[in-house]
C-alpha atoms as a PDB file:
ATOM      1  CA  MET A   1     104.090  22.912 138.028  1.00  0.00           C
ATOM      2  CA  ARG A   2     102.218  26.149 138.738  1.00  0.00           C
ATOM      3  CA  GLN A   3     102.663  29.032 136.295  1.00  0.00           C
ATOM      4  CA  ILE A   4     100.988  32.428 136.069  1.00  0.00           C
ATOM      5  CA  VAL A   5     100.735  34.128 132.681  1.00  0.00           C
ATOM      6  CA  LEU A   6     100.785  37.861 133.387  1.00  0.00           C
ATOM      7  CA  ASP A   7     100.333  41.127 131.522  1.00  0.00           C
ATOM      8  CA  THR A   8      99.812  44.754 132.530  1.00  0.00           C
ATOM      9  CA  GLU A   9      98.560  47.959 130.955  1.00  0.00           C
ATOM     10  CA  THR A  10      99.970  51.311 132.051  1.00  0.00           C
ATOM     11  CA  THR A  11      99.519  55.064 131.752  1.00  0.00           C
ATOM     12  CA  GLY A  12     102.725  55.319 129.707  1.00  0.00           C
ATOM     13  CA  LEU A  13     106.056  53.735 128.941  1.00  0.00           C
ATOM     14  CA  SER A  14     108.347  54.791 131.781  1.00  0.00           C
ATOM     15  CA  THR A  15     108.225  54.628 135.563  1.00  0.00           C
ATOM     16  CA  ALA A  16     110.909  57.332 135.562  1.00  0.00           C
ATOM     17  CA  GLN A  17     108.218  59.689 134.245  1.00  0.00           C
ATOM     18  CA  GLY A  18     105.827  58.679 137.011  1.00  0.00           C
ATOM     19  CA  HIS A  19     103.690  56.320 134.974  1.00  0.00           C
ATOM     20  CA  ARG A  20     101.546  53.761 136.767  1.00  0.00           C
ATOM     21  CA  ILE A  21      99.785  50.448 136.236  1.00  0.00           C
ATOM     22  CA  ILE A  22      96.100  50.651 135.309  1.00  0.00           C
ATOM     23  CA  GLU A  23      95.324  46.974 134.638  1.00  0.00           C
ATOM     24  CA  ILE A  24      96.700  43.590 135.715  1.00  0.00           C
ATOM     25  CA  GLY A  25      95.630  40.337 134.090  1.00  0.00           C
ATOM     26  CA  CYS A  26      96.806  36.891 135.245  1.00  0.00           C
ATOM     27  CA  LEU A  27      95.857  33.332 134.294  1.00  0.00           C
ATOM     28  CA  GLU A  28      96.897  30.225 136.207  1.00  0.00           C
ATOM     29  CA  LEU A  29      98.355  27.154 134.513  1.00  0.00           C
ATOM     30  CA  VAL A  30      99.048  23.939 136.388  1.00  0.00           C
ATOM     31  CA  ASN A  31     100.932  21.267 134.460  1.00  0.00           C
ATOM     32  CA  ARG A  32     100.322  23.253 131.250  1.00  0.00           C
ATOM     33  CA  ARG A  33      96.544  23.312 131.702  1.00  0.00           C
ATOM     34  CA  LEU A  34      94.248  26.211 132.571  1.00  0.00           C
ATOM     35  CA  THR A  35      92.744  25.829 136.013  1.00  0.00           C
ATOM     36  CA  GLY A  36      90.078  28.498 135.543  1.00  0.00           C
ATOM     37  CA  ARG A  37      91.645  30.684 138.233  1.00  0.00           C
ATOM     38  CA  GLU A  38      92.489  34.238 137.224  1.00  0.00           C
ATOM     39  CA  PHE A  39      93.399  37.563 138.772  1.00  0.00           C
ATOM     40  CA  HIS A  40      92.114  40.633 136.927  1.00  0.00           C
ATOM     41  CA  ARG A  41      91.912  44.186 138.241  1.00  0.00           C
ATOM     42  CA  PHE A  42      91.577  47.676 136.812  1.00  0.00           C
ATOM     43  CA  LEU A  43      93.409  50.268 138.915  1.00  0.00           C
ATOM     44  CA  ASN A  44      93.105  53.966 139.579  1.00  0.00           C
ATOM     45  CA  PRO A  45      96.545  55.441 138.710  1.00  0.00           C
ATOM     46  CA  GLU A  46      95.745  58.821 140.282  1.00  0.00           C
ATOM     47  CA  ARG A  47      97.262  60.560 137.275  1.00  0.00           C
ATOM     48  CA  ASP A  48      96.554  61.234 133.587  1.00  0.00           C
ATOM     49  CA  ILE A  49      97.071  58.637 130.865  1.00  0.00           C
ATOM     50  CA  ASP A  50      99.285  59.449 127.866  1.00  0.00           C
ATOM     51  CA  GLU A  51      97.351  59.777 124.605  1.00  0.00           C
ATOM     52  CA  GLY A  52      99.583  57.193 122.942  1.00  0.00           C
ATOM     53  CA  ALA A  53      98.970  54.682 125.706  1.00  0.00           C
ATOM     54  CA  GLU A  54      95.227  55.285 125.612  1.00  0.00           C
ATOM     55  CA  ARG A  55      95.194  54.600 121.874  1.00  0.00           C
ATOM     56  CA  VAL A  56      96.817  51.224 122.572  1.00  0.00           C
ATOM     57  CA  HIS A  57      94.539  49.966 125.353  1.00  0.00           C
ATOM     58  CA  GLY A  58      91.483  52.202 125.014  1.00  0.00           C
ATOM     59  CA  ILE A  59      91.267  52.936 128.751  1.00  0.00           C
ATOM     60  CA  SER A  60      90.681  56.529 129.861  1.00  0.00           C
ATOM     61  CA  ARG A  61      91.271  58.089 133.264  1.00  0.00           C
ATOM     62  CA  ALA A  62      87.517  58.568 133.644  1.00  0.00           C
ATOM     63  CA  ASP A  63      87.070  54.803 133.293  1.00  0.00           C
ATOM     64  CA  LEU A  64      89.257  54.267 136.356  1.00  0.00           C
ATOM     65  CA  GLU A  65      88.056  56.904 138.822  1.00  0.00           C
ATOM     66  CA  THR A  66      86.116  54.390 140.940  1.00  0.00           C
ATOM     67  CA  GLU A  67      88.654  51.549 140.690  1.00  0.00           C
ATOM     68  CA  PRO A  68      90.957  50.575 143.594  1.00  0.00           C
ATOM     69  CA  ARG A  69      94.541  51.722 143.852  1.00  0.00           C
ATOM     70  CA  PHE A  70      97.402  49.254 143.489  1.00  0.00           C
ATOM     71  CA  SER A  71      98.071  49.396 147.231  1.00  0.00           C
ATOM     72  CA  ASP A  72      94.497  48.252 147.842  1.00  0.00           C
ATOM     73  CA  ILE A  73      94.955  45.000 145.911  1.00  0.00           C
ATOM     74  CA  ALA A  74      98.689  44.366 146.395  1.00  0.00           C
ATOM     75  CA  HIS A  75      98.252  41.732 149.111  1.00  0.00           C
ATOM     76  CA  GLU A  76      95.718  39.775 147.054  1.00  0.00           C
ATOM     77  CA  PHE A  77      97.898  40.004 143.945  1.00  0.00           C
ATOM     78  CA  LEU A  78     101.051  38.824 145.702  1.00  0.00           C
ATOM     79  CA  ALA A  79      99.152  35.939 147.282  1.00  0.00           C
ATOM     80  CA  PHE A  80      97.938  34.877 143.823  1.00  0.00           C
ATOM     81  CA  ILE A  81     101.447  34.772 142.291  1.00  0.00           C
ATOM     82  CA  LYS A  82     103.225  33.405 145.372  1.00  0.00           C
ATOM     83  CA  ASP A  83     105.800  30.691 144.562  1.00  0.00           C
ATOM     84  CA  ALA A  84     104.667  30.445 140.928  1.00  0.00           C
ATOM     85  CA  GLU A  85     106.639  30.936 137.717  1.00  0.00           C
ATOM     86  CA  LEU A  86     105.479  34.127 136.011  1.00  0.00           C
ATOM     87  CA  ILE A  87     105.314  33.906 132.220  1.00  0.00           C
ATOM     88  CA  ILE A  88     105.624  37.425 130.801  1.00  0.00           C
ATOM     89  CA  HIS A  89     106.414  38.781 127.333  1.00  0.00           C
ATOM     90  CA  ASN A  90     109.060  41.484 127.735  1.00  0.00           C
ATOM     91  CA  ALA A  91     109.205  40.907 131.478  1.00  0.00           C
ATOM     92  CA  THR A  92     111.544  43.851 132.103  1.00  0.00           C
ATOM     93  CA  PHE A  93     108.652  46.215 131.386  1.00  0.00           C
ATOM     94  CA  ASP A  94     105.957  44.555 133.508  1.00  0.00           C
ATOM     95  CA  VAL A  95     108.232  43.589 136.392  1.00  0.00           C
ATOM     96  CA  GLY A  96     109.665  47.111 136.444  1.00  0.00           C
ATOM     97  CA  PHE A  97     106.194  48.604 136.796  1.00  0.00           C
ATOM     98  CA  LEU A  98     105.123  46.083 139.442  1.00  0.00           C
ATOM     99  CA  GLU A  99     108.222  46.755 141.514  1.00  0.00           C
ATOM    100  CA  HIS A 100     107.720  50.505 141.084  1.00  0.00           C
ATOM    101  CA  GLU A 101     104.211  50.181 142.530  1.00  0.00           C
ATOM    102  CA  LEU A 102     105.468  48.097 145.443  1.00  0.00           C
ATOM    103  CA  LYS A 103     108.162  50.665 146.221  1.00  0.00           C
ATOM    104  CA  LEU A 104     105.659  53.531 146.087  1.00  0.00           C
ATOM    105  CA  MET A 105     103.561  51.825 148.767  1.00  0.00           C
ATOM    106  CA  LYS A 106     106.753  51.063 150.761  1.00  0.00           C
ATOM    107  CA  HIS A 107     106.178  47.300 150.668  1.00  0.00           C
ATOM    108  CA  ASN A 108     108.698  45.374 152.766  1.00  0.00           C
ATOM    109  CA  ALA A 109     109.441  42.980 149.855  1.00  0.00           C
ATOM    110  CA  PRO A 110     109.297  45.126 146.707  1.00  0.00           C
ATOM    111  CA  ARG A 111     111.196  42.763 144.427  1.00  0.00           C
ATOM    112  CA  ILE A 112     109.083  40.367 142.380  1.00  0.00           C
ATOM    113  CA  LYS A 113     111.740  37.659 142.717  1.00  0.00           C
ATOM    114  CA  ASP A 114     110.955  37.611 146.438  1.00  0.00           C
ATOM    115  CA  HIS A 115     107.502  36.292 145.540  1.00  0.00           C
ATOM    116  CA  ALA A 116     107.861  34.343 142.290  1.00  0.00           C
ATOM    117  CA  THR A 117     110.280  33.392 139.535  1.00  0.00           C
ATOM    118  CA  VAL A 118     110.030  34.959 136.083  1.00  0.00           C
ATOM    119  CA  LEU A 119     110.189  33.442 132.602  1.00  0.00           C
ATOM    120  CA  ASP A 120     110.492  36.060 129.841  1.00  0.00           C
ATOM    121  CA  THR A 121     109.120  34.766 126.528  1.00  0.00           C
ATOM    122  CA  LEU A 122     110.656  37.630 124.505  1.00  0.00           C
ATOM    123  CA  PRO A 123     114.318  36.477 124.688  1.00  0.00           C
ATOM    124  CA  MET A 124     113.050  32.908 124.294  1.00  0.00           C
ATOM    125  CA  ALA A 125     111.326  33.880 121.039  1.00  0.00           C
ATOM    126  CA  ARG A 126     114.359  35.836 119.828  1.00  0.00           C
ATOM    127  CA  LYS A 127     116.549  32.779 120.363  1.00  0.00           C
ATOM    128  CA  MET A 128     114.092  30.510 118.544  1.00  0.00           C
ATOM    129  CA  HIS A 129     113.417  32.983 115.697  1.00  0.00           C
ATOM    130  CA  PRO A 130     116.533  35.149 115.247  1.00  0.00           C
ATOM    131  CA  GLY A 131     116.215  38.105 112.915  1.00  0.00           C
ATOM    132  CA  GLN A 132     112.410  37.990 112.922  1.00  0.00           C
ATOM    133  CA  ARG A 133     109.737  40.105 114.583  1.00  0.00           C
ATOM    134  CA  ASN A 134     108.880  38.640 117.977  1.00  0.00           C
ATOM    135  CA  SER A 135     106.139  40.879 119.299  1.00  0.00           C
ATOM    136  CA  LEU A 136     103.096  39.112 120.738  1.00  0.00           C
ATOM    137  CA  ASP A 137     101.160  39.944 117.562  1.00  0.00           C
ATOM    138  CA  ALA A 138     103.909  38.473 115.373  1.00  0.00           C
ATOM    139  CA  LEU A 139     104.081  35.318 117.493  1.00  0.00           C
ATOM    140  CA  CYS A 140     100.310  34.888 117.324  1.00  0.00           C
ATOM    141  CA  LYS A 141     100.537  34.890 113.528  1.00  0.00           C
ATOM    142  CA  ARG A 142     103.571  32.569 113.520  1.00  0.00           C
ATOM    143  CA  TYR A 143     101.914  29.997 115.795  1.00  0.00           C
ATOM    144  CA  GLU A 144      98.422  30.416 114.330  1.00  0.00           C
ATOM    145  CA  VAL A 145      96.926  31.741 117.567  1.00  0.00           C
ATOM    146  CA  ASP A 146      93.656  33.513 116.819  1.00  0.00           C
ATOM    147  CA  ALA A 147      93.884  37.149 117.950  1.00  0.00           C
ATOM    148  CA  THR A 148      91.004  38.478 115.856  1.00  0.00           C
ATOM    149  CA  LYS A 149      88.792  39.085 118.914  1.00  0.00           C
ATOM    150  CA  ARG A 150      91.223  41.666 120.287  1.00  0.00           C
ATOM    151  CA  ASP A 151      90.369  45.180 119.095  1.00  0.00           C
ATOM    152  CA  VAL A 152      92.701  46.875 121.588  1.00  0.00           C
ATOM    153  CA  HIS A 153      95.342  45.632 123.999  1.00  0.00           C
ATOM    154  CA  GLY A 154      94.045  44.412 127.351  1.00  0.00           C
ATOM    155  CA  ALA A 155      95.912  42.709 130.184  1.00  0.00           C
ATOM    156  CA  LEU A 156      93.622  39.684 130.453  1.00  0.00           C
ATOM    157  CA  ILE A 157      93.141  39.026 126.732  1.00  0.00           C
ATOM    158  CA  ASP A 158      96.878  39.465 126.145  1.00  0.00           C
ATOM    159  CA  SER A 159      97.561  36.961 128.922  1.00  0.00           C
ATOM    160  CA  GLU A 160      95.270  34.469 127.185  1.00  0.00           C
ATOM    161  CA  LEU A 161      97.047  34.988 123.870  1.00  0.00           C
ATOM    162  CA  LEU A 162     100.470  34.707 125.504  1.00  0.00           C
ATOM    163  CA  ALA A 163      99.454  31.477 127.248  1.00  0.00           C
ATOM    164  CA  ASN A 164      98.576  29.944 123.873  1.00  0.00           C
ATOM    165  CA  VAL A 165     101.785  31.227 122.292  1.00  0.00           C
ATOM    166  CA  TYR A 166     103.898  29.934 125.188  1.00  0.00           C
ATOM    167  CA  LEU A 167     102.339  26.463 125.003  1.00  0.00           C
ATOM    168  CA  ALA A 168     102.896  26.368 121.242  1.00  0.00           C
ATOM    169  CA  MET A 169     106.516  27.529 121.588  1.00  0.00           C
ATOM    170  CA  THR A 170     107.355  24.983 124.263  1.00  0.00           C
ATOM    171  CA  GLY A 171     105.451  21.910 123.190  1.00  0.00           C
ATOM    172  CA  GLY A 172     103.028  22.452 120.359  1.00  0.00           C
ATOM    173  CA  GLN A 173      99.930  22.580 122.566  1.00  0.00           C
ATOM    174  CA  THR A 174      97.762  25.500 121.490  1.00  0.00           C
ATOM    175  CA  ALA A 175      94.349  24.565 122.886  1.00  0.00           C
ATOM    176  CA  MET A 176      94.021  25.231 126.621  1.00  0.00           C
ATOM    177  CA  LEU A 177      90.735  23.455 127.289  1.00  0.00           C
ATOM    178  CA  LEU A 178      89.798  22.765 130.890  1.00  0.00           C
ATOM    179  CA  ASP A 179      88.444  19.417 129.688  1.00  0.00           C
ATOM    180  CA  GLU A 180      87.660  17.779 126.358  1.00  0.00           C
ATOM    181  CA  ASP A 181      84.047  18.956 126.410  1.00  0.00           C
ATOM    182  CA  ASP A 182      84.859  22.599 127.152  1.00  0.00           C
ATOM    183  CA  ALA A 183      84.498  24.514 123.907  1.00  0.00           C
ATOM    184  CA  HIS A 184      85.569  27.893 125.342  1.00  0.00           C
ATOM    185  CA  THR A 185      89.189  28.694 124.576  1.00  0.00           C
ATOM    186  CA  VAL A 186      91.183  31.604 123.193  1.00  0.00           C
ATOM    187  CA  GLY A 187      93.481  30.848 120.276  1.00  0.00           C
ATOM    188  CA  ALA A 188      92.598  27.183 119.838  1.00  0.00           C
ATOM    189  CA  ARG A 189      92.885  25.692 116.373  1.00  0.00           C
ATOM    190  CA  PRO A 190      89.600  25.570 114.424  1.00  0.00           C
ATOM    191  CA  ALA A 191      87.502  22.462 115.033  1.00  0.00           C
ATOM    192  CA  ARG A 192      88.049  21.251 111.482  1.00  0.00           C
ATOM    193  CA  ASP A 193      91.817  21.290 112.094  1.00  0.00           C
ATOM    194  CA  GLN A 194      91.416  19.318 115.319  1.00  0.00           C
ATOM    195  CA  GLU A 195      89.254  16.752 113.510  1.00  0.00           C
ATOM    196  CA  GLY A 196      91.847  16.553 110.755  1.00  0.00           C
ATOM    197  CA  HIS A 197      94.611  15.844 113.277  1.00  0.00           C
ATOM    198  CA  ARG A 198      92.504  13.158 114.955  1.00  0.00           C
ATOM    199  CA  ALA A 199      91.740  11.554 111.583  1.00  0.00           C
ATOM    200  CA  GLN A 200      95.401  11.647 110.641  1.00  0.00           C
ATOM    201  CA  GLY A 201      96.300  10.014 113.944  1.00  0.00           C
ATOM    202  CA  ALA A 202      93.745   7.258 113.358  1.00  0.00           C
ATOM    203  CA  LEU A 203      95.187   6.573 109.901  1.00  0.00           C
ATOM    204  CA  LEU A 204      98.703   6.361 111.337  1.00  0.00           C
ATOM    205  CA  GLN A 205      97.541   3.916 113.997  1.00  0.00           C
ATOM    206  CA  GLU A 206      95.757   1.807 111.380  1.00  0.00           C
ATOM    207  CA  SER A 207      98.846   1.839 109.167  1.00  0.00           C
ATOM    208  CA  ALA A 208     101.058   0.814 112.086  1.00  0.00           C
ATOM    209  CA  ALA A 209      98.729  -2.085 112.866  1.00  0.00           C
ATOM    210  CA  GLN A 210      98.812  -3.233 109.266  1.00  0.00           C
ATOM    211  CA  THR A 211     102.614  -3.302 109.188  1.00  0.00           C
ATOM    212  CA  THR A 212     102.658  -6.004 111.844  1.00  0.00           C
ATOM    213  CA  ASP A 213     100.959  -8.392 109.393  1.00  0.00           C
ATOM    214  CA  LEU A 214     103.376  -7.916 106.482  1.00  0.00           C
ATOM    215  CA  PRO A 215     104.646 -11.223 105.001  1.00  0.00           C
ATOM    216  CA  VAL A 216     108.345 -12.136 105.379  1.00  0.00           C
ATOM    217  CA  ILE A 217     109.889 -13.052 101.986  1.00  0.00           C
ATOM    218  CA  LYS A 218     113.156 -14.997 102.187  1.00  0.00           C
ATOM    219  CA  ALA A 219     115.888 -14.757  99.555  1.00  0.00           C
ATOM    220  CA  SER A 220     116.017 -17.566  96.997  1.00  0.00           C
ATOM    221  CA  ALA A 221     119.072 -19.854  96.629  1.00  0.00           C
ATOM    222  CA  GLU A 222     120.187 -17.929  93.529  1.00  0.00           C
ATOM    223  CA  GLU A 223     119.881 -14.569  95.337  1.00  0.00           C
ATOM    224  CA  THR A 224     121.829 -15.904  98.321  1.00  0.00           C
ATOM    225  CA  THR A 225     124.653 -17.136  96.021  1.00  0.00           C
ATOM    226  CA  ALA A 226     124.820 -13.777  94.221  1.00  0.00           C
ATOM    227  CA  HIS A 227     124.919 -11.969  97.563  1.00  0.00           C
ATOM    228  CA  GLU A 228     127.816 -14.099  98.831  1.00  0.00           C
ATOM    229  CA  ALA A 229     129.746 -13.497  95.609  1.00  0.00           C
ATOM    230  CA  LEU A 230     129.368  -9.733  96.052  1.00  0.00           C
ATOM    231  CA  LEU A 231     130.534  -9.901  99.666  1.00  0.00           C
ATOM    232  CA  GLU A 232     133.608 -11.912  98.574  1.00  0.00           C
ATOM    233  CA  LYS A 233     134.589  -9.130  96.166  1.00  0.00           C
ATOM    234  CA  ILE A 234     134.259  -6.601  99.003  1.00  0.00           C
ATOM    235  CA  ARG A 235     136.412  -8.755 101.305  1.00  0.00           C
ATOM    236  CA  LYS A 236     139.212  -8.781  98.750  1.00  0.00           C
ATOM    237  CA  SER A 237     139.321  -4.978  98.738  1.00  0.00           C
ATOM    238  CA  GLY A 238     139.346  -4.666 102.547  1.00  0.00           C
ATOM    239  CA  ALA A 239     137.242  -5.287 105.652  1.00  0.00           C
ATOM    240  CA  CYS A 240     133.614  -6.160 105.027  1.00  0.00           C
ATOM    241  CA  VAL A 241     131.262  -4.528 107.548  1.00  0.00           C
ATOM    242  CA  TRP A 242     128.535  -7.054 106.743  1.00  0.00           C
ATOM    243  CA  ASP A 243     130.614  -9.969 108.078  1.00  0.00           C
ATOM    244  CA  ILE A 244     129.405 -11.053 111.498  1.00  0.00           C
ATOM    245  CA  ASP A 245     131.918 -12.868 113.697  1.00  0.00           C
END
């Protein structure tokens, strides 16, 4: 199963006001494991960035003057997500902006669903945690995903955090190591917690092994007689479920 965790940053909140994408960050998961493949681009929006948006992601227009336009990277981006399941938090926002960009460049297939399927983790979280805050920040705290390295929002770092949150929401896996020896991961549980879980698992295995050697103690003659007397009383009051025909 191939999935792409995706996030974008934009010049503002609404395509109706002419706002554009300035950053795309994608991470590839195959069978719930990071492959190491990613797609990350900063984009020149050819317009100003709202002050509120700049406070969120820390990216200024001057930072983007030499970056490519969306139309320059669209083919590469669509090839990366082709036939995958996109995992997006509040997908309406990101998909809306992506489709807006595709329409601006007059792409012959401007709908994202023509290239990939979409899984929105926001309604999933709302269903799992009704009446609670379900922003990405809130979910990171709820699932103990470490977001302390993020000073501002960024498409790639937010994709990494969302990947950890998604894995925790759907199966309890929060460490996305490429292999057991790879110590680089975003949002993994501290090493002491991992060691604690391994130790707990070893104790459970040892306990299970010990239970197979427990002695079997049979009832004495007196206990058997007392048991039969009790069953007889039950029979007199009705059917006895302990009788075996």
